[in-house]
Amino acid sequence: LSDREKFLLNDSKYFCTLPWTHLHAYPNGAAYPCCLAKHE
């Protein structure tokens, strides 16, 4: 891991891998970056 990658995975308050690996969709089709994203 680079220093940048170590920071993102261990110390960042906001970085999350999910927007690079994942999509989420409600049963009505509404799509989000993950299931915990604000429904608004």
Full PDB file with SEQRES, HELIX, SHEET, SSBOND, CRYST1, ORIGX, SCALE, CONECT and MASTER records, all heavy atoms in Angstrom:
SEQRES   1 A   40  LEU SER ASP ARG GLU LYS PHE LEU LEU ASN ASP SER LYS          
SEQRES   2 A   40  TYR PHE CYS THR LEU PRO TRP THR HIS LEU HIS ALA TYR          
SEQRES   3 A   40  PRO ASN GLY ALA ALA TYR PRO CYS CYS LEU ALA LYS HIS          
SEQRES   4 A   40  GLU                                                          
HELIX    1 AA1 ASP A    3  ASN A   10  1                                   8    
HELIX    2 AA2 LEU A   18  TRP A   20  5                                   3    
SHEET    1 AA1 2 HIS A  24  ALA A  25  0                                        
SHEET    2 AA1 2 ALA A  31  TYR A  32 -1                                        
CRYST1    1.000    1.000    1.000  90.00  90.00  90.00 P 1           1          
ORIGX1      1.000000  0.000000  0.000000        0.00000                         
ORIGX2      0.000000  1.000000  0.000000        0.00000                         
ORIGX3      0.000000  0.000000  1.000000        0.00000                         
SCALE1      1.000000  0.000000  0.000000        0.00000                         
SCALE2      0.000000  1.000000  0.000000        0.00000                         
SCALE3      0.000000  0.000000  1.000000        0.00000                         
ATOM      1  N   LEU A   1       0.822  -1.197   0.000  1.00  0.00           N  
ATOM      2  CA  LEU A   1       0.000   0.000   0.000  1.00  0.00           C  
ATOM      3  C   LEU A   1       0.861   1.253   0.000  1.00  0.00           C  
ATOM      4  O   LEU A   1       1.862   1.331   0.713  1.00  0.00           O  
ATOM      5  CB  LEU A   1      -0.912   0.025   1.227  1.00  0.00           C  
ATOM      6  CG  LEU A   1      -2.031  -1.020   1.312  1.00  0.00           C  
ATOM      7  CD1 LEU A   1      -2.731  -0.914   2.660  1.00  0.00           C  
ATOM      8  CD2 LEU A   1      -3.039  -0.841   0.187  1.00  0.00           C  
ATOM      9  N   SER A   2       0.467   2.235  -0.792  1.00  0.00           N  
ATOM     10  CA  SER A   2       1.136   3.532  -0.751  1.00  0.00           C  
ATOM     11  C   SER A   2       0.694   4.275   0.510  1.00  0.00           C  
ATOM     12  O   SER A   2      -0.289   3.911   1.156  1.00  0.00           O  
ATOM     13  CB  SER A   2       0.786   4.350  -1.990  1.00  0.00           C  
ATOM     14  OG  SER A   2      -0.587   4.727  -1.968  1.00  0.00           O  
ATOM     15  N   ASP A   3       1.432   5.343   0.851  1.00  0.00           N  
ATOM     16  CA  ASP A   3       1.052   6.148   2.011  1.00  0.00           C  
ATOM     17  C   ASP A   3      -0.353   6.723   1.826  1.00  0.00           C  
ATOM     18  O   ASP A   3      -1.134   6.816   2.784  1.00  0.00           O  
ATOM     19  CB  ASP A   3       2.052   7.277   2.230  1.00  0.00           C  
ATOM     20  CG  ASP A   3       3.399   6.768   2.738  1.00  0.00           C  
ATOM     21  OD1 ASP A   3       3.467   5.613   3.233  1.00  0.00           O  
ATOM     22  OD2 ASP A   3       4.394   7.523   2.626  1.00  0.00           O  
ATOM     23  N   ARG A   4      -0.647   7.121   0.594  1.00  0.00           N  
ATOM     24  CA  ARG A   4      -1.968   7.665   0.282  1.00  0.00           C  
ATOM     25  C   ARG A   4      -3.056   6.620   0.534  1.00  0.00           C  
ATOM     26  O   ARG A   4      -4.076   6.917   1.152  1.00  0.00           O  
ATOM     27  CB  ARG A   4      -1.993   8.119  -1.182  1.00  0.00           C  
ATOM     28  CG  ARG A   4      -3.360   8.503  -1.739  1.00  0.00           C  
ATOM     29  CD  ARG A   4      -3.897   9.759  -1.148  1.00  0.00           C  
ATOM     30  NE  ARG A   4      -5.013  10.269  -1.910  1.00  0.00           N  
ATOM     31  CZ  ARG A   4      -5.956  11.070  -1.389  1.00  0.00           C  
ATOM     32  NH1 ARG A   4      -5.885  11.438  -0.119  1.00  0.00           N  
ATOM     33  NH2 ARG A   4      -6.933  11.510  -2.150  1.00  0.00           N  
ATOM     34  N   GLU A   5      -2.846   5.407   0.075  1.00  0.00           N  
ATOM     35  CA  GLU A   5      -3.817   4.329   0.253  1.00  0.00           C  
ATOM     36  C   GLU A   5      -3.977   3.956   1.722  1.00  0.00           C  
ATOM     37  O   GLU A   5      -5.079   3.687   2.189  1.00  0.00           O  
ATOM     38  CB  GLU A   5      -3.395   3.117  -0.588  1.00  0.00           C  
ATOM     39  CG  GLU A   5      -3.520   3.350  -2.087  1.00  0.00           C  
ATOM     40  CD  GLU A   5      -2.827   2.291  -2.915  1.00  0.00           C  
ATOM     41  OE1 GLU A   5      -1.996   1.531  -2.357  1.00  0.00           O  
ATOM     42  OE2 GLU A   5      -3.093   2.226  -4.135  1.00  0.00           O  
ATOM     43  N   LYS A   6      -2.867   3.938   2.467  1.00  0.00           N  
ATOM     44  CA  LYS A   6      -2.950   3.653   3.904  1.00  0.00           C  
ATOM     45  C   LYS A   6      -3.784   4.700   4.622  1.00  0.00           C  
ATOM     46  O   LYS A   6      -4.592   4.375   5.496  1.00  0.00           O  
ATOM     47  CB  LYS A   6      -1.545   3.599   4.505  1.00  0.00           C  
ATOM     48  CG  LYS A   6      -0.731   2.385   4.111  1.00  0.00           C  
ATOM     49  CD  LYS A   6       0.666   2.458   4.708  1.00  0.00           C  
ATOM     50  CE  LYS A   6       1.516   1.276   4.273  1.00  0.00           C  
ATOM     51  NZ  LYS A   6       2.916   1.387   4.761  1.00  0.00           N  
ATOM     52  N   PHE A   7      -3.576   5.960   4.254  1.00  0.00           N  
ATOM     53  CA  PHE A   7      -4.359   7.031   4.869  1.00  0.00           C  
ATOM     54  C   PHE A   7      -5.843   6.855   4.583  1.00  0.00           C  
ATOM     55  O   PHE A   7      -6.670   6.950   5.501  1.00  0.00           O  
ATOM     56  CB  PHE A   7      -3.900   8.404   4.350  1.00  0.00           C  
ATOM     57  CG  PHE A   7      -4.841   9.520   4.731  1.00  0.00           C  
ATOM     58  CD1 PHE A   7      -4.819  10.057   6.009  1.00  0.00           C  
ATOM     59  CD2 PHE A   7      -5.771  10.003   3.814  1.00  0.00           C  
ATOM     60  CE1 PHE A   7      -5.716  11.068   6.370  1.00  0.00           C  
ATOM     61  CE2 PHE A   7      -6.665  11.015   4.166  1.00  0.00           C  
ATOM     62  CZ  PHE A   7      -6.629  11.553   5.445  1.00  0.00           C  
ATOM     63  N   LEU A   8      -6.188   6.598   3.328  1.00  0.00           N  
ATOM     64  CA  LEU A   8      -7.591   6.475   2.950  1.00  0.00           C  
ATOM     65  C   LEU A   8      -8.267   5.331   3.697  1.00  0.00           C  
ATOM     66  O   LEU A   8      -9.407   5.470   4.158  1.00  0.00           O  
ATOM     67  CB  LEU A   8      -7.717   6.261   1.440  1.00  0.00           C  
ATOM     68  CG  LEU A   8      -7.345   7.458   0.556  1.00  0.00           C  
ATOM     69  CD1 LEU A   8      -7.364   7.057  -0.920  1.00  0.00           C  
ATOM     70  CD2 LEU A   8      -8.286   8.641   0.799  1.00  0.00           C  
ATOM     71  N   LEU A   9      -7.590   4.213   3.847  1.00  0.00           N  
ATOM     72  CA  LEU A   9      -8.197   3.036   4.466  1.00  0.00           C  
ATOM     73  C   LEU A   9      -8.225   3.100   5.985  1.00  0.00           C  
ATOM     74  O   LEU A   9      -9.128   2.547   6.613  1.00  0.00           O  
ATOM     75  CB  LEU A   9      -7.468   1.777   4.020  1.00  0.00           C  
ATOM     76  CG  LEU A   9      -7.635   1.391   2.547  1.00  0.00           C  
ATOM     77  CD1 LEU A   9      -6.732   0.210   2.198  1.00  0.00           C  
ATOM     78  CD2 LEU A   9      -9.085   1.060   2.234  1.00  0.00           C  
ATOM     79  N   ASN A  10      -7.247   3.781   6.592  1.00  0.00           N  
ATOM     80  CA  ASN A  10      -7.128   3.748   8.042  1.00  0.00           C  
ATOM     81  C   ASN A  10      -7.492   5.047   8.761  1.00  0.00           C  
ATOM     82  O   ASN A  10      -8.000   5.010   9.871  1.00  0.00           O  
ATOM     83  CB  ASN A  10      -5.703   3.366   8.443  1.00  0.00           C  
ATOM     84  CG  ASN A  10      -5.363   1.935   8.111  1.00  0.00           C  
ATOM     85  OD1 ASN A  10      -6.047   1.019   8.519  1.00  0.00           O  
ATOM     86  ND2 ASN A  10      -4.304   1.739   7.360  1.00  0.00           N  
ATOM     87  N   ASP A  11      -7.227   6.177   8.137  1.00  0.00           N  
ATOM     88  CA  ASP A  11      -7.346   7.447   8.851  1.00  0.00           C  
ATOM     89  C   ASP A  11      -8.354   8.425   8.258  1.00  0.00           C  
ATOM     90  O   ASP A  11      -8.743   9.384   8.925  1.00  0.00           O  
ATOM     91  CB  ASP A  11      -5.967   8.125   8.926  1.00  0.00           C  
ATOM     92  CG  ASP A  11      -4.953   7.268   9.667  1.00  0.00           C  
ATOM     93  OD1 ASP A  11      -5.287   6.782  10.768  1.00  0.00           O  
ATOM     94  OD2 ASP A  11      -3.835   7.075   9.140  1.00  0.00           O  
ATOM     95  N   SER A  12      -8.752   8.213   7.023  1.00  0.00           N  
ATOM     96  CA  SER A  12      -9.711   9.122   6.405  1.00  0.00           C  
ATOM     97  C   SER A  12     -11.049   9.071   7.130  1.00  0.00           C  
ATOM     98  O   SER A  12     -11.511   8.011   7.547  1.00  0.00           O  
ATOM     99  CB  SER A  12      -9.905   8.774   4.932  1.00  0.00           C  
ATOM    100  OG  SER A  12     -10.985   9.504   4.384  1.00  0.00           O  
ATOM    101  N   LYS A  13     -11.681  10.228   7.249  1.00  0.00           N  
ATOM    102  CA  LYS A  13     -13.010  10.307   7.850  1.00  0.00           C  
ATOM    103  C   LYS A  13     -14.122  10.095   6.827  1.00  0.00           C  
ATOM    104  O   LYS A  13     -15.282   9.909   7.204  1.00  0.00           O  
ATOM    105  CB  LYS A  13     -13.199  11.663   8.535  1.00  0.00           C  
ATOM    106  CG  LYS A  13     -12.301  11.889   9.740  1.00  0.00           C  
ATOM    107  CD  LYS A  13     -12.601  13.242  10.369  1.00  0.00           C  
ATOM    108  CE  LYS A  13     -11.742  13.486  11.602  1.00  0.00           C  
ATOM    109  NZ  LYS A  13     -12.021  14.813  12.219  1.00  0.00           N  
ATOM    110  N   TYR A  14     -13.770  10.136   5.532  1.00  0.00           N  
ATOM    111  CA  TYR A  14     -14.808  10.140   4.512  1.00  0.00           C  
ATOM    112  C   TYR A  14     -14.619   9.105   3.409  1.00  0.00           C  
ATOM    113  O   TYR A  14     -15.598   8.768   2.729  1.00  0.00           O  
ATOM    114  CB  TYR A  14     -14.894  11.538   3.876  1.00  0.00           C  
ATOM    115  CG  TYR A  14     -15.163  12.630   4.879  1.00  0.00           C  
ATOM    116  CD1 TYR A  14     -14.201  13.603   5.171  1.00  0.00           C  
ATOM    117  CD2 TYR A  14     -16.362  12.685   5.552  1.00  0.00           C  
ATOM    118  CE1 TYR A  14     -14.444  14.593   6.101  1.00  0.00           C  
ATOM    119  CE2 TYR A  14     -16.617  13.680   6.498  1.00  0.00           C  
ATOM    120  CZ  TYR A  14     -15.653  14.635   6.765  1.00  0.00           C  
ATOM    121  OH  TYR A  14     -15.892  15.616   7.693  1.00  0.00           O  
ATOM    122  N   PHE A  15     -13.419   8.570   3.214  1.00  0.00           N  
ATOM    123  CA  PHE A  15     -13.199   7.647   2.112  1.00  0.00           C  
ATOM    124  C   PHE A  15     -13.903   6.321   2.344  1.00  0.00           C  
ATOM    125  O   PHE A  15     -13.895   5.769   3.443  1.00  0.00           O  
ATOM    126  CB  PHE A  15     -11.712   7.375   1.895  1.00  0.00           C  
ATOM    127  CG  PHE A  15     -11.453   6.375   0.803  1.00  0.00           C  
ATOM    128  CD1 PHE A  15     -11.595   6.733  -0.533  1.00  0.00           C  
ATOM    129  CD2 PHE A  15     -11.110   5.055   1.097  1.00  0.00           C  
ATOM    130  CE1 PHE A  15     -11.394   5.803  -1.542  1.00  0.00           C  
ATOM    131  CE2 PHE A  15     -10.902   4.135   0.096  1.00  0.00           C  
ATOM    132  CZ  PHE A  15     -11.039   4.510  -1.233  1.00  0.00           C  
ATOM    133  N   CYS A  16     -14.494   5.800   1.279  1.00  0.00           N  
ATOM    134  CA  CYS A  16     -15.188   4.517   1.302  1.00  0.00           C  
ATOM    135  C   CYS A  16     -14.961   3.837  -0.047  1.00  0.00           C  
ATOM    136  O   CYS A  16     -15.068   4.470  -1.100  1.00  0.00           O  
ATOM    137  CB  CYS A  16     -16.680   4.741   1.552  1.00  0.00           C  
ATOM    138  SG  CYS A  16     -17.699   3.238   1.509  1.00  0.00           S  
ATOM    139  N   THR A  17     -14.662   2.551  -0.030  1.00  0.00           N  
ATOM    140  CA  THR A  17     -14.404   1.831  -1.276  1.00  0.00           C  
ATOM    141  C   THR A  17     -15.664   1.565  -2.095  1.00  0.00           C  
ATOM    142  O   THR A  17     -15.593   1.263  -3.283  1.00  0.00           O  
ATOM    143  CB  THR A  17     -13.733   0.474  -0.994  1.00  0.00           C  
ATOM    144  OG1 THR A  17     -14.580  -0.305  -0.135  1.00  0.00           O  
ATOM    145  CG2 THR A  17     -12.360   0.659  -0.367  1.00  0.00           C  
ATOM    146  N   LEU A  18     -16.840   1.664  -1.475  1.00  0.00           N  
ATOM    147  CA  LEU A  18     -18.060   1.209  -2.137  1.00  0.00           C  
ATOM    148  C   LEU A  18     -18.375   1.937  -3.447  1.00  0.00           C  
ATOM    149  O   LEU A  18     -18.837   1.299  -4.392  1.00  0.00           O  
ATOM    150  CB  LEU A  18     -19.245   1.281  -1.172  1.00  0.00           C  
ATOM    151  CG  LEU A  18     -19.152   0.328   0.028  1.00  0.00           C  
ATOM    152  CD1 LEU A  18     -20.413   0.406   0.891  1.00  0.00           C  
ATOM    153  CD2 LEU A  18     -18.917  -1.106  -0.407  1.00  0.00           C  
ATOM    154  N   PRO A  19     -18.173   3.252  -3.571  1.00  0.00           N  
ATOM    155  CA  PRO A  19     -18.453   3.883  -4.867  1.00  0.00           C  
ATOM    156  C   PRO A  19     -17.568   3.387  -6.017  1.00  0.00           C  
ATOM    157  O   PRO A  19     -17.817   3.728  -7.168  1.00  0.00           O  
ATOM    158  CB  PRO A  19     -18.208   5.373  -4.589  1.00  0.00           C  
ATOM    159  CG  PRO A  19     -18.455   5.525  -3.129  1.00  0.00           C  
ATOM    160  CD  PRO A  19     -17.913   4.261  -2.527  1.00  0.00           C  
ATOM    161  N   TRP A  20     -16.557   2.595  -5.711  1.00  0.00           N  
ATOM    162  CA  TRP A  20     -15.700   1.996  -6.729  1.00  0.00           C  
ATOM    163  C   TRP A  20     -15.981   0.504  -6.926  1.00  0.00           C  
ATOM    164  O   TRP A  20     -15.399  -0.116  -7.806  1.00  0.00           O  
ATOM    165  CB  TRP A  20     -14.228   2.165  -6.351  1.00  0.00           C  
ATOM    166  CG  TRP A  20     -13.681   3.537  -6.579  1.00  0.00           C  
ATOM    167  CD1 TRP A  20     -12.994   3.975  -7.675  1.00  0.00           C  
ATOM    168  CD2 TRP A  20     -13.748   4.652  -5.689  1.00  0.00           C  
ATOM    169  NE1 TRP A  20     -12.632   5.286  -7.517  1.00  0.00           N  
ATOM    170  CE2 TRP A  20     -13.091   5.730  -6.309  1.00  0.00           C  
ATOM    171  CE3 TRP A  20     -14.306   4.843  -4.426  1.00  0.00           C  
ATOM    172  CZ2 TRP A  20     -12.972   6.983  -5.702  1.00  0.00           C  
ATOM    173  CZ3 TRP A  20     -14.194   6.099  -3.832  1.00  0.00           C  
ATOM    174  CH2 TRP A  20     -13.535   7.151  -4.463  1.00  0.00           C  
ATOM    175  N   THR A  21     -16.862  -0.051  -6.119  1.00  0.00           N  
ATOM    176  CA  THR A  21     -17.071  -1.497  -6.155  1.00  0.00           C  
ATOM    177  C   THR A  21     -18.534  -1.921  -6.163  1.00  0.00           C  
ATOM    178  O   THR A  21     -18.832  -3.107  -6.308  1.00  0.00           O  
ATOM    179  CB  THR A  21     -16.408  -2.166  -4.929  1.00  0.00           C  
ATOM    180  OG1 THR A  21     -16.979  -1.615  -3.713  1.00  0.00           O  
ATOM    181  CG2 THR A  21     -14.904  -1.965  -4.924  1.00  0.00           C  
ATOM    182  N   HIS A  22     -19.469  -0.993  -6.067  1.00  0.00           N  
ATOM    183  CA  HIS A  22     -20.806  -1.356  -5.623  1.00  0.00           C  
ATOM    184  C   HIS A  22     -21.851  -0.351  -6.066  1.00  0.00           C  
ATOM    185  O   HIS A  22     -21.580   0.838  -6.230  1.00  0.00           O  
ATOM    186  CB  HIS A  22     -20.753  -1.431  -4.084  1.00  0.00           C  
ATOM    187  CG  HIS A  22     -22.055  -1.612  -3.395  1.00  0.00           C  
ATOM    188  ND1 HIS A  22     -22.822  -2.743  -3.517  1.00  0.00           N  
ATOM    189  CD2 HIS A  22     -22.725  -0.805  -2.546  1.00  0.00           C  
ATOM    190  CE1 HIS A  22     -23.901  -2.626  -2.775  1.00  0.00           C  
ATOM    191  NE2 HIS A  22     -23.873  -1.459  -2.184  1.00  0.00           N  
ATOM    192  N   LEU A  23     -23.063  -0.837  -6.264  1.00  0.00           N  
ATOM    193  CA  LEU A  23     -24.262  -0.018  -6.379  1.00  0.00           C  
ATOM    194  C   LEU A  23     -25.363  -0.659  -5.541  1.00  0.00           C  
ATOM    195  O   LEU A  23     -25.373  -1.871  -5.332  1.00  0.00           O  
ATOM    196  CB  LEU A  23     -24.742   0.082  -7.831  1.00  0.00           C  
ATOM    197  CG  LEU A  23     -24.120   1.120  -8.745  1.00  0.00           C  
ATOM    198  CD1 LEU A  23     -24.704   0.982 -10.147  1.00  0.00           C  
ATOM    199  CD2 LEU A  23     -24.342   2.529  -8.228  1.00  0.00           C  
ATOM    200  N   HIS A  24     -26.279   0.178  -5.112  1.00  0.00           N  
ATOM    201  CA  HIS A  24     -27.426  -0.297  -4.355  1.00  0.00           C  
ATOM    202  C   HIS A  24     -28.689   0.236  -5.009  1.00  0.00           C  
ATOM    203  O   HIS A  24     -28.710   1.364  -5.521  1.00  0.00           O  
ATOM    204  CB  HIS A  24     -27.357   0.190  -2.902  1.00  0.00           C  
ATOM    205  CG  HIS A  24     -28.596  -0.065  -2.112  1.00  0.00           C  
ATOM    206  ND1 HIS A  24     -29.004  -1.323  -1.745  1.00  0.00           N  
ATOM    207  CD2 HIS A  24     -29.542   0.780  -1.634  1.00  0.00           C  
ATOM    208  CE1 HIS A  24     -30.130  -1.245  -1.067  1.00  0.00           C  
ATOM    209  NE2 HIS A  24     -30.484   0.014  -0.981  1.00  0.00           N  
ATOM    210  N   ALA A  25     -29.751  -0.572  -4.994  1.00  0.00           N  
ATOM    211  CA  ALA A  25     -31.034  -0.101  -5.512  1.00  0.00           C  
ATOM    212  C   ALA A  25     -32.167  -0.553  -4.620  1.00  0.00           C  
ATOM    213  O   ALA A  25     -32.200  -1.701  -4.170  1.00  0.00           O  
ATOM    214  CB  ALA A  25     -31.265  -0.597  -6.939  1.00  0.00           C  
ATOM    215  N   TYR A  26     -33.087   0.374  -4.354  1.00  0.00           N  
ATOM    216  CA  TYR A  26     -34.317   0.063  -3.634  1.00  0.00           C  
ATOM    217  C   TYR A  26     -35.232  -0.795  -4.516  1.00  0.00           C  
ATOM    218  O   TYR A  26     -35.068  -0.839  -5.742  1.00  0.00           O  
ATOM    219  CB  TYR A  26     -35.068   1.352  -3.298  1.00  0.00           C  
ATOM    220  CG  TYR A  26     -34.576   2.115  -2.090  1.00  0.00           C  
ATOM    221  CD1 TYR A  26     -33.363   1.827  -1.490  1.00  0.00           C  
ATOM    222  CD2 TYR A  26     -35.348   3.143  -1.548  1.00  0.00           C  
ATOM    223  CE1 TYR A  26     -32.940   2.548  -0.376  1.00  0.00           C  
ATOM    224  CE2 TYR A  26     -34.929   3.866  -0.449  1.00  0.00           C  
ATOM    225  CZ  TYR A  26     -33.736   3.576   0.133  1.00  0.00           C  
ATOM    226  OH  TYR A  26     -33.333   4.284   1.232  1.00  0.00           O  
ATOM    227  N   PRO A  27     -36.234  -1.426  -3.911  1.00  0.00           N  
ATOM    228  CA  PRO A  27     -37.207  -2.186  -4.707  1.00  0.00           C  
ATOM    229  C   PRO A  27     -37.990  -1.327  -5.700  1.00  0.00           C  
ATOM    230  O   PRO A  27     -38.580  -1.858  -6.643  1.00  0.00           O  
ATOM    231  CB  PRO A  27     -38.142  -2.781  -3.649  1.00  0.00           C  
ATOM    232  CG  PRO A  27     -37.321  -2.840  -2.404  1.00  0.00           C  
ATOM    233  CD  PRO A  27     -36.442  -1.632  -2.461  1.00  0.00           C  
ATOM    234  N   ASN A  28     -38.026  -0.012  -5.488  1.00  0.00           N  
ATOM    235  CA  ASN A  28     -38.715   0.875  -6.444  1.00  0.00           C  
ATOM    236  C   ASN A  28     -37.782   1.421  -7.519  1.00  0.00           C  
ATOM    237  O   ASN A  28     -38.174   2.274  -8.316  1.00  0.00           O  
ATOM    238  CB  ASN A  28     -39.407   2.025  -5.714  1.00  0.00           C  
ATOM    239  CG  ASN A  28     -38.434   2.970  -5.026  1.00  0.00           C  
ATOM    240  OD1 ASN A  28     -37.216   2.752  -5.016  1.00  0.00           O  
ATOM    241  ND2 ASN A  28     -38.963   4.041  -4.433  1.00  0.00           N  
ATOM    242  N   GLY A  29     -36.535   0.945  -7.524  1.00  0.00           N  
ATOM    243  CA  GLY A  29     -35.587   1.346  -8.553  1.00  0.00           C  
ATOM    244  C   GLY A  29     -34.645   2.463  -8.163  1.00  0.00           C  
ATOM    245  O   GLY A  29     -33.630   2.671  -8.840  1.00  0.00           O  
ATOM    246  N   ALA A  30     -34.951   3.233  -7.117  1.00  0.00           N  
ATOM    247  CA  ALA A  30     -34.081   4.324  -6.696  1.00  0.00           C  
ATOM    248  C   ALA A  30     -32.688   3.785  -6.373  1.00  0.00           C  
ATOM    249  O   ALA A  30     -32.557   2.815  -5.617  1.00  0.00           O  
ATOM    250  CB  ALA A  30     -34.666   5.041  -5.488  1.00  0.00           C  
ATOM    251  N   ALA A  31     -31.660   4.392  -6.950  1.00  0.00           N  
ATOM    252  CA  ALA A  31     -30.298   3.886  -6.833  1.00  0.00           C  
ATOM    253  C   ALA A  31     -29.457   4.774  -5.920  1.00  0.00           C  
ATOM    254  O   ALA A  31     -29.626   5.999  -5.890  1.00  0.00           O  
ATOM    255  CB  ALA A  31     -29.645   3.780  -8.207  1.00  0.00           C  
ATOM    256  N   TYR A  32     -28.526   4.139  -5.196  1.00  0.00           N  
ATOM    257  CA  TYR A  32     -27.698   4.819  -4.207  1.00  0.00           C  
ATOM    258  C   TYR A  32     -26.291   4.217  -4.206  1.00  0.00           C  
ATOM    259  O   TYR A  32     -26.079   3.106  -4.702  1.00  0.00           O  
ATOM    260  CB  TYR A  32     -28.308   4.677  -2.805  1.00  0.00           C  
ATOM    261  CG  TYR A  32     -29.687   5.264  -2.674  1.00  0.00           C  
ATOM    262  CD1 TYR A  32     -30.817   4.508  -2.978  1.00  0.00           C  
ATOM    263  CD2 TYR A  32     -29.868   6.572  -2.269  1.00  0.00           C  
ATOM    264  CE1 TYR A  32     -32.091   5.048  -2.880  1.00  0.00           C  
ATOM    265  CE2 TYR A  32     -31.145   7.124  -2.154  1.00  0.00           C  
ATOM    266  CZ  TYR A  32     -32.242   6.351  -2.459  1.00  0.00           C  
ATOM    267  OH  TYR A  32     -33.506   6.894  -2.357  1.00  0.00           O  
ATOM    268  N   PRO A  33     -25.323   4.915  -3.612  1.00  0.00           N  
ATOM    269  CA  PRO A  33     -23.982   4.326  -3.502  1.00  0.00           C  
ATOM    270  C   PRO A  33     -23.922   3.140  -2.546  1.00  0.00           C  
ATOM    271  O   PRO A  33     -23.034   2.305  -2.655  1.00  0.00           O  
ATOM    272  CB  PRO A  33     -23.113   5.487  -3.007  1.00  0.00           C  
ATOM    273  CG  PRO A  33     -24.075   6.420  -2.326  1.00  0.00           C  
ATOM    274  CD  PRO A  33     -25.360   6.304  -3.108  1.00  0.00           C  
ATOM    275  N   CYS A  34     -24.867   3.060  -1.595  1.00  0.00           N  
ATOM    276  CA  CYS A  34     -24.966   1.914  -0.701  1.00  0.00           C  
ATOM    277  C   CYS A  34     -26.322   1.949  -0.015  1.00  0.00           C  
ATOM    278  O   CYS A  34     -27.078   2.921  -0.150  1.00  0.00           O  
ATOM    279  CB  CYS A  34     -23.827   1.905   0.340  1.00  0.00           C  
ATOM    280  SG  CYS A  34     -24.086   3.063   1.712  1.00  0.00           S  
ATOM    281  N   CYS A  35     -26.615   0.921   0.783  1.00  0.00           N  
ATOM    282  CA  CYS A  35     -27.929   0.805   1.405  1.00  0.00           C  
ATOM    283  C   CYS A  35     -28.134   1.790   2.548  1.00  0.00           C  
ATOM    284  O   CYS A  35     -29.265   2.003   2.993  1.00  0.00           O  
ATOM    285  CB  CYS A  35     -28.168  -0.624   1.912  1.00  0.00           C  
ATOM    286  SG  CYS A  35     -27.077  -1.130   3.267  1.00  0.00           S  
ATOM    287  N   LEU A  36     -27.061   2.385   3.056  1.00  0.00           N  
ATOM    288  CA  LEU A  36     -27.179   3.311   4.173  1.00  0.00           C  
ATOM    289  C   LEU A  36     -27.247   4.766   3.721  1.00  0.00           C  
ATOM    290  O   LEU A  36     -27.419   5.667   4.536  1.00  0.00           O  
ATOM    291  CB  LEU A  36     -26.001   3.124   5.149  1.00  0.00           C  
ATOM    292  CG  LEU A  36     -26.310   3.339   6.632  1.00  0.00           C  
ATOM    293  CD1 LEU A  36     -27.358   2.368   7.111  1.00  0.00           C  
ATOM    294  CD2 LEU A  36     -25.038   3.220   7.471  1.00  0.00           C  
ATOM    295  N   ALA A  37     -27.116   4.994   2.451  1.00  0.00           N  
ATOM    296  CA  ALA A  37     -27.168   6.361   1.931  1.00  0.00           C  
ATOM    297  C   ALA A  37     -28.532   6.994   2.218  1.00  0.00           C  
ATOM    298  O   ALA A  37     -29.565   6.306   2.213  1.00  0.00           O  
ATOM    299  CB  ALA A  37     -26.886   6.368   0.439  1.00  0.00           C  
ATOM    300  N   LYS A  38     -28.547   8.279   2.451  1.00  0.00           N  
ATOM    301  CA  LYS A  38     -29.791   8.994   2.731  1.00  0.00           C  
ATOM    302  C   LYS A  38     -30.754   8.844   1.562  1.00  0.00           C  
ATOM    303  O   LYS A  38     -30.401   9.125   0.406  1.00  0.00           O  
ATOM    304  CB  LYS A  38     -29.487  10.476   2.984  1.00  0.00           C  
ATOM    305  CG  LYS A  38     -28.683  10.748   4.241  1.00  0.00           C  
ATOM    306  CD  LYS A  38     -29.534  10.703   5.491  1.00  0.00           C  
ATOM    307  CE  LYS A  38     -30.406  11.926   5.621  1.00  0.00           C  
ATOM    308  NZ  LYS A  38     -31.164  11.956   6.905  1.00  0.00           N  
ATOM    309  N   HIS A  39     -31.993   8.416   1.891  1.00  0.00           N  
ATOM    310  CA  HIS A  39     -32.950   8.124   0.821  1.00  0.00           C  
ATOM    311  C   HIS A  39     -33.378   9.373   0.060  1.00  0.00           C  
ATOM    312  O   HIS A  39     -33.869   9.283  -1.066  1.00  0.00           O  
ATOM    313  CB  HIS A  39     -34.172   7.412   1.404  1.00  0.00           C  
ATOM    314  CG  HIS A  39     -35.034   8.279   2.282  1.00  0.00           C  
ATOM    315  ND1 HIS A  39     -36.043   9.074   1.787  1.00  0.00           N  
ATOM    316  CD2 HIS A  39     -35.032   8.456   3.631  1.00  0.00           C  
ATOM    317  CE1 HIS A  39     -36.620   9.729   2.796  1.00  0.00           C  
ATOM    318  NE2 HIS A  39     -36.036   9.377   3.908  1.00  0.00           N  
ATOM    319  N   GLU A  40     -33.144  10.547   0.634  1.00  0.00           N  
ATOM    320  CA  GLU A  40     -33.524  11.789  -0.041  1.00  0.00           C  
ATOM    321  C   GLU A  40     -32.625  12.108  -1.233  1.00  0.00           C  
ATOM    322  O   GLU A  40     -32.962  12.962  -2.059  1.00  0.00           O  
ATOM    323  CB  GLU A  40     -33.457  12.976   0.934  1.00  0.00           C  
ATOM    324  CG  GLU A  40     -34.421  12.882   2.112  1.00  0.00           C  
ATOM    325  CD  GLU A  40     -33.778  12.287   3.347  1.00  0.00           C  
ATOM    326  OE1 GLU A  40     -32.779  11.542   3.196  1.00  0.00           O  
ATOM    327  OE2 GLU A  40     -34.264  12.591   4.466  1.00  0.00           O  
TER     328      GLU A  40                                                      
MASTER        0    0    0    2    2    0    0    6  327    1    0    4          
END                                                                             
